[in-house]
């Protein structure tokens, strides 16, 4: 599912996976390898920011492409309160 969403987003941006790797400073074939492995951590976050979607959308946990900024703000506040 991840690779399919990645290809869809790349197509909407009219970019190849190779160009996205260059834009983000990823190694060659990093995005092609997402057919087998889902990126985590920093790479996942960079991809979400690049496309303007949530990591949940990329991972297939939601069908909405739009970032829920209110939820994001709540998550940031909650994480700051835990320290």
C-alpha atoms as a PDB file:
ATOM      1  CA  UNK A   1       0.000   0.000   0.000  1.00  0.00           C
ATOM      2  CA  UNK A   2       2.799   2.454   0.856  1.00  0.00           C
ATOM      3  CA  UNK A   3       4.468   2.166  -2.552  1.00  0.00           C
ATOM      4  CA  UNK A   4       1.155   2.665  -4.360  1.00  0.00           C
ATOM      5  CA  UNK A   5       0.416   5.852  -2.414  1.00  0.00           C
ATOM      6  CA  UNK A   6       3.937   7.068  -3.008  1.00  0.00           C
ATOM      7  CA  UNK A   7       3.584   6.529  -6.762  1.00  0.00           C
ATOM      8  CA  UNK A   8       0.214   8.307  -6.772  1.00  0.00           C
ATOM      9  CA  UNK A   9       1.596  11.324  -4.919  1.00  0.00           C
ATOM     10  CA  UNK A  10       4.658  11.435  -7.177  1.00  0.00           C
ATOM     11  CA  UNK A  11       2.406  11.335 -10.228  1.00  0.00           C
ATOM     12  CA  UNK A  12       0.251  14.167  -8.866  1.00  0.00           C
ATOM     13  CA  UNK A  13       3.434  16.218  -8.377  1.00  0.00           C
ATOM     14  CA  UNK A  14       4.653  15.172 -11.837  1.00  0.00           C
ATOM     15  CA  UNK A  15       7.901  13.866 -10.363  1.00  0.00           C
ATOM     16  CA  UNK A  16       9.716  10.587 -10.785  1.00  0.00           C
ATOM     17  CA  UNK A  17      10.750   8.593  -7.733  1.00  0.00           C
ATOM     18  CA  UNK A  18      14.347   9.210  -8.783  1.00  0.00           C
ATOM     19  CA  UNK A  19      13.801  12.992  -8.768  1.00  0.00           C
ATOM     20  CA  UNK A  20      12.134  12.824  -5.343  1.00  0.00           C
ATOM     21  CA  UNK A  21      15.140  10.888  -4.008  1.00  0.00           C
ATOM     22  CA  UNK A  22      17.405  13.641  -5.321  1.00  0.00           C
ATOM     23  CA  UNK A  23      15.164  16.384  -3.896  1.00  0.00           C
ATOM     24  CA  UNK A  24      15.203  14.765  -0.453  1.00  0.00           C
ATOM     25  CA  UNK A  25      18.829  13.617  -0.465  1.00  0.00           C
ATOM     26  CA  UNK A  26      17.937   9.914  -0.321  1.00  0.00           C
ATOM     27  CA  UNK A  27      20.167   7.200  -1.744  1.00  0.00           C
ATOM     28  CA  UNK A  28      19.373   5.825  -5.184  1.00  0.00           C
ATOM     29  CA  UNK A  29      16.571   3.209  -5.157  1.00  0.00           C
ATOM     30  CA  UNK A  30      15.474   4.154  -1.631  1.00  0.00           C
ATOM     31  CA  UNK A  31      11.922   4.782  -2.827  1.00  0.00           C
ATOM     32  CA  UNK A  32      11.861   1.800  -5.167  1.00  0.00           C
ATOM     33  CA  UNK A  33      12.729  -0.365  -2.158  1.00  0.00           C
ATOM     34  CA  UNK A  34       9.528   0.773  -0.449  1.00  0.00           C
ATOM     35  CA  UNK A  35       7.865  -2.002  -2.448  1.00  0.00           C
ATOM     36  CA  UNK A  36       9.385  -4.311   0.169  1.00  0.00           C
ATOM     37  CA  UNK A  37      10.139  -2.082   3.150  1.00  0.00           C
ATOM     38  CA  UNK A  38       8.202   0.806   4.641  1.00  0.00           C
ATOM     39  CA  UNK A  39      10.461   3.703   5.571  1.00  0.00           C
ATOM     40  CA  UNK A  40      10.462   4.800   9.170  1.00  0.00           C
ATOM     41  CA  UNK A  41      11.510   7.769  11.221  1.00  0.00           C
ATOM     42  CA  UNK A  42      13.169  10.647   9.438  1.00  0.00           C
ATOM     43  CA  UNK A  43      12.596   9.334   5.904  1.00  0.00           C
ATOM     44  CA  UNK A  44       8.896   8.829   6.513  1.00  0.00           C
ATOM     45  CA  UNK A  45       8.590  12.312   7.998  1.00  0.00           C
ATOM     46  CA  UNK A  46      10.509  13.896   5.099  1.00  0.00           C
ATOM     47  CA  UNK A  47       8.235  12.198   2.568  1.00  0.00           C
ATOM     48  CA  UNK A  48       5.096  13.333   4.375  1.00  0.00           C
ATOM     49  CA  UNK A  49       6.363  16.921   4.526  1.00  0.00           C
ATOM     50  CA  UNK A  50       7.453  16.823   0.868  1.00  0.00           C
ATOM     51  CA  UNK A  51       3.984  15.780  -0.282  1.00  0.00           C
ATOM     52  CA  UNK A  52       2.078  17.775   2.342  1.00  0.00           C
ATOM     53  CA  UNK A  53       0.318  14.716   3.724  1.00  0.00           C
ATOM     54  CA  UNK A  54       0.302  12.957   7.058  1.00  0.00           C
ATOM     55  CA  UNK A  55       2.484   9.971   7.824  1.00  0.00           C
ATOM     56  CA  UNK A  56      -0.755   8.131   8.604  1.00  0.00           C
ATOM     57  CA  UNK A  57      -1.886   8.699   5.015  1.00  0.00           C
ATOM     58  CA  UNK A  58       1.407   7.389   3.638  1.00  0.00           C
ATOM     59  CA  UNK A  59       1.168   4.335   5.864  1.00  0.00           C
ATOM     60  CA  UNK A  60      -2.412   3.620   4.834  1.00  0.00           C
ATOM     61  CA  UNK A  61      -3.895   4.361   8.260  1.00  0.00           C
ATOM     62  CA  UNK A  62      -6.217   7.020   6.838  1.00  0.00           C
ATOM     63  CA  UNK A  63      -7.718   7.813   3.464  1.00  0.00           C
ATOM     64  CA  UNK A  64      -7.488  11.581   3.845  1.00  0.00           C
ATOM     65  CA  UNK A  65      -4.493  13.206   2.171  1.00  0.00           C
ATOM     66  CA  UNK A  66      -4.908  16.466   4.034  1.00  0.00           C
ATOM     67  CA  UNK A  67      -2.962  17.156   7.164  1.00  0.00           C
ATOM     68  CA  UNK A  68      -5.195  17.631  10.170  1.00  0.00           C
ATOM     69  CA  UNK A  69      -3.443  20.678  11.600  1.00  0.00           C
ATOM     70  CA  UNK A  70      -5.679  20.771  14.673  1.00  0.00           C
ATOM     71  CA  UNK A  71      -4.719  17.175  15.490  1.00  0.00           C
ATOM     72  CA  UNK A  72      -1.082  17.961  14.778  1.00  0.00           C
ATOM     73  CA  UNK A  73      -1.212  20.901  17.202  1.00  0.00           C
ATOM     74  CA  UNK A  74      -2.879  18.684  19.818  1.00  0.00           C
ATOM     75  CA  UNK A  75      -0.178  16.041  19.336  1.00  0.00           C
ATOM     76  CA  UNK A  76       2.577  18.633  19.738  1.00  0.00           C
ATOM     77  CA  UNK A  77       1.007  20.031  22.905  1.00  0.00           C
ATOM     78  CA  UNK A  78       0.500  16.531  24.311  1.00  0.00           C
ATOM     79  CA  UNK A  79       4.106  15.535  23.581  1.00  0.00           C
ATOM     80  CA  UNK A  80       5.405  18.714  25.222  1.00  0.00           C
ATOM     81  CA  UNK A  81       3.300  18.074  28.318  1.00  0.00           C
ATOM     82  CA  UNK A  82       4.804  14.614  28.735  1.00  0.00           C
ATOM     83  CA  UNK A  83       8.271  16.043  29.407  1.00  0.00           C
END
